[in-house]
Amino acid sequence: MADALAARGLPATMDRIPLLTPDRKTAVMAVVRDFSQQRYRNMQYRAHAEVFLAFFLVFVAITRGGLLPCLLFWNFMRIRYMVSAFTQASFASLDLHKLSI
């Protein structure tokens, strides 16, 4: 087997498996870090959009009388607030903006 690999110009050991050299490891870690930061940023945008939609539904319920969708969505938001740290941060930032006004 080693002779067949050597005839093709391939090493006879497992050296042909690409390893993460320090250069490649740094590049891979940079990509993973960027992906992770983008993921957290997108999750925060999603949470901000949900909070905005909740207040928009309250406005629609007051002006047009559609109370049931508003109540259902606020129930969903209560559950989301208990589960998601991003939604909690969105409400906290909304609280800070309200206090600064």
C-alpha atoms as a PDB file:
ATOM      1  CA  MET A   1       0.000   0.000   0.000  1.00  0.00           C
ATOM      2  CA  ALA A   2       2.817   2.377   0.865  1.00  0.00           C
ATOM      3  CA  ASP A   3       4.432   1.656  -2.512  1.00  0.00           C
ATOM      4  CA  ALA A   4       1.209   2.461  -4.362  1.00  0.00           C
ATOM      5  CA  LEU A   5       0.918   5.767  -2.554  1.00  0.00           C
ATOM      6  CA  ALA A   6       4.577   6.596  -3.140  1.00  0.00           C
ATOM      7  CA  ALA A   7       4.142   5.833  -6.866  1.00  0.00           C
ATOM      8  CA  ARG A   8       1.439   8.487  -7.035  1.00  0.00           C
ATOM      9  CA  GLY A   9       3.600  10.962  -5.183  1.00  0.00           C
ATOM     10  CA  LEU A  10       1.505  10.779  -2.046  1.00  0.00           C
ATOM     11  CA  PRO A  11       2.954  10.329   1.417  1.00  0.00           C
ATOM     12  CA  ALA A  12       2.551   6.886   2.926  1.00  0.00           C
ATOM     13  CA  THR A  13       1.239   8.165   6.233  1.00  0.00           C
ATOM     14  CA  MET A  14      -1.725  10.225   7.252  1.00  0.00           C
ATOM     15  CA  ASP A  15       0.283  13.404   6.635  1.00  0.00           C
ATOM     16  CA  ARG A  16      -1.870  14.233   3.637  1.00  0.00           C
ATOM     17  CA  ILE A  17      -4.814  15.118   5.888  1.00  0.00           C
ATOM     18  CA  PRO A  18      -4.800  18.922   6.118  1.00  0.00           C
ATOM     19  CA  LEU A  19      -4.196  20.078   9.632  1.00  0.00           C
ATOM     20  CA  LEU A  20      -4.993  23.391  11.201  1.00  0.00           C
ATOM     21  CA  THR A  21      -1.674  25.123  11.149  1.00  0.00           C
ATOM     22  CA  PRO A  22      -1.409  28.274  13.264  1.00  0.00           C
ATOM     23  CA  ASP A  23      -2.128  30.403  10.160  1.00  0.00           C
ATOM     24  CA  ARG A  24      -5.217  28.422   9.241  1.00  0.00           C
ATOM     25  CA  LYS A  25      -6.364  28.185  12.837  1.00  0.00           C
ATOM     26  CA  THR A  26      -6.227  31.965  13.181  1.00  0.00           C
ATOM     27  CA  ALA A  27      -8.200  32.400   9.963  1.00  0.00           C
ATOM     28  CA  VAL A  28     -10.809  29.830  10.992  1.00  0.00           C
ATOM     29  CA  MET A  29     -11.181  31.397  14.427  1.00  0.00           C
ATOM     30  CA  ALA A  30     -11.649  34.837  12.839  1.00  0.00           C
ATOM     31  CA  VAL A  31     -14.422  33.501  10.595  1.00  0.00           C
ATOM     32  CA  VAL A  32     -16.113  31.766  13.530  1.00  0.00           C
ATOM     33  CA  ARG A  33     -15.859  34.919  15.659  1.00  0.00           C
ATOM     34  CA  ASP A  34     -17.337  37.071  12.866  1.00  0.00           C
ATOM     35  CA  PHE A  35     -20.154  34.567  12.310  1.00  0.00           C
ATOM     36  CA  SER A  36     -20.908  34.491  16.028  1.00  0.00           C
ATOM     37  CA  GLN A  37     -20.993  38.288  16.274  1.00  0.00           C
ATOM     38  CA  GLN A  38     -23.270  38.504  13.239  1.00  0.00           C
ATOM     39  CA  ARG A  39     -25.563  35.873  14.738  1.00  0.00           C
ATOM     40  CA  TYR A  40     -25.903  37.800  18.012  1.00  0.00           C
ATOM     41  CA  ARG A  41     -26.496  41.034  16.119  1.00  0.00           C
ATOM     42  CA  ASN A  42     -29.240  39.387  14.024  1.00  0.00           C
ATOM     43  CA  MET A  43     -30.871  37.905  17.115  1.00  0.00           C
ATOM     44  CA  GLN A  44     -30.941  41.360  18.695  1.00  0.00           C
ATOM     45  CA  TYR A  45     -32.489  42.875  15.540  1.00  0.00           C
ATOM     46  CA  ARG A  46     -35.143  40.154  15.626  1.00  0.00           C
ATOM     47  CA  ALA A  47     -35.926  40.935  19.254  1.00  0.00           C
ATOM     48  CA  HIS A  48     -36.190  44.672  18.501  1.00  0.00           C
ATOM     49  CA  ALA A  49     -38.563  43.913  15.615  1.00  0.00           C
ATOM     50  CA  GLU A  50     -40.761  41.764  17.857  1.00  0.00           C
ATOM     51  CA  VAL A  51     -40.989  44.512  20.484  1.00  0.00           C
ATOM     52  CA  PHE A  52     -41.807  47.078  17.792  1.00  0.00           C
ATOM     53  CA  LEU A  53     -44.494  44.778  16.378  1.00  0.00           C
ATOM     54  CA  ALA A  54     -46.006  44.326  19.832  1.00  0.00           C
ATOM     55  CA  PHE A  55     -46.402  48.067  20.338  1.00  0.00           C
ATOM     56  CA  PHE A  56     -47.650  48.481  16.770  1.00  0.00           C
ATOM     57  CA  LEU A  57     -50.367  45.883  17.443  1.00  0.00           C
ATOM     58  CA  VAL A  58     -51.426  47.844  20.526  1.00  0.00           C
ATOM     59  CA  PHE A  59     -51.755  50.933  18.330  1.00  0.00           C
ATOM     60  CA  VAL A  60     -53.806  48.969  15.782  1.00  0.00           C
ATOM     61  CA  ALA A  61     -55.984  47.510  18.540  1.00  0.00           C
ATOM     62  CA  ILE A  62     -56.719  51.002  19.863  1.00  0.00           C
ATOM     63  CA  THR A  63     -57.464  52.551  16.467  1.00  0.00           C
ATOM     64  CA  ARG A  64     -59.246  49.690  14.675  1.00  0.00           C
ATOM     65  CA  GLY A  65     -60.489  47.493  17.495  1.00  0.00           C
ATOM     66  CA  GLY A  66     -58.627  44.258  16.683  1.00  0.00           C
ATOM     67  CA  LEU A  67     -58.044  43.208  20.272  1.00  0.00           C
ATOM     68  CA  LEU A  68     -57.603  39.441  19.895  1.00  0.00           C
ATOM     69  CA  PRO A  69     -54.408  39.478  17.742  1.00  0.00           C
ATOM     70  CA  CYS A  70     -52.921  42.009  20.139  1.00  0.00           C
ATOM     71  CA  LEU A  71     -53.654  39.834  23.179  1.00  0.00           C
ATOM     72  CA  LEU A  72     -52.317  36.710  21.497  1.00  0.00           C
ATOM     73  CA  PHE A  73     -49.104  38.415  20.446  1.00  0.00           C
ATOM     74  CA  TRP A  74     -48.557  39.923  23.895  1.00  0.00           C
ATOM     75  CA  ASN A  75     -48.979  36.464  25.398  1.00  0.00           C
ATOM     76  CA  PHE A  76     -46.314  35.263  22.955  1.00  0.00           C
ATOM     77  CA  MET A  77     -44.095  38.186  24.002  1.00  0.00           C
ATOM     78  CA  ARG A  78     -44.486  37.299  27.683  1.00  0.00           C
ATOM     79  CA  ILE A  79     -43.254  33.788  26.936  1.00  0.00           C
ATOM     80  CA  ARG A  80     -40.455  35.115  24.722  1.00  0.00           C
ATOM     81  CA  TYR A  81     -39.407  37.526  27.492  1.00  0.00           C
ATOM     82  CA  MET A  82     -39.087  34.660  29.971  1.00  0.00           C
ATOM     83  CA  VAL A  83     -37.040  32.545  27.547  1.00  0.00           C
ATOM     84  CA  SER A  84     -34.932  34.927  25.458  1.00  0.00           C
ATOM     85  CA  ALA A  85     -32.183  37.141  26.843  1.00  0.00           C
ATOM     86  CA  PHE A  86     -32.288  39.136  23.594  1.00  0.00           C
ATOM     87  CA  THR A  87     -35.930  40.106  24.169  1.00  0.00           C
ATOM     88  CA  GLN A  88     -35.123  41.070  27.747  1.00  0.00           C
ATOM     89  CA  ALA A  89     -32.324  43.283  26.442  1.00  0.00           C
ATOM     90  CA  SER A  90     -34.714  44.886  23.929  1.00  0.00           C
ATOM     91  CA  PHE A  91     -37.181  45.783  26.662  1.00  0.00           C
ATOM     92  CA  ALA A  92     -34.324  47.058  28.843  1.00  0.00           C
ATOM     93  CA  SER A  93     -33.045  49.301  26.027  1.00  0.00           C
ATOM     94  CA  LEU A  94     -36.615  50.517  25.470  1.00  0.00           C
ATOM     95  CA  ASP A  95     -36.777  51.307  29.183  1.00  0.00           C
ATOM     96  CA  LEU A  96     -33.519  53.284  28.969  1.00  0.00           C
ATOM     97  CA  HIS A  97     -34.765  55.268  25.976  1.00  0.00           C
ATOM     98  CA  LYS A  98     -38.008  56.020  27.783  1.00  0.00           C
ATOM     99  CA  LEU A  99     -36.116  57.256  30.838  1.00  0.00           C
ATOM    100  CA  SER A 100     -33.858  59.509  28.766  1.00  0.00           C
ATOM    101  CA  ILE A 101     -36.815  61.305  27.130  1.00  0.00           C
END
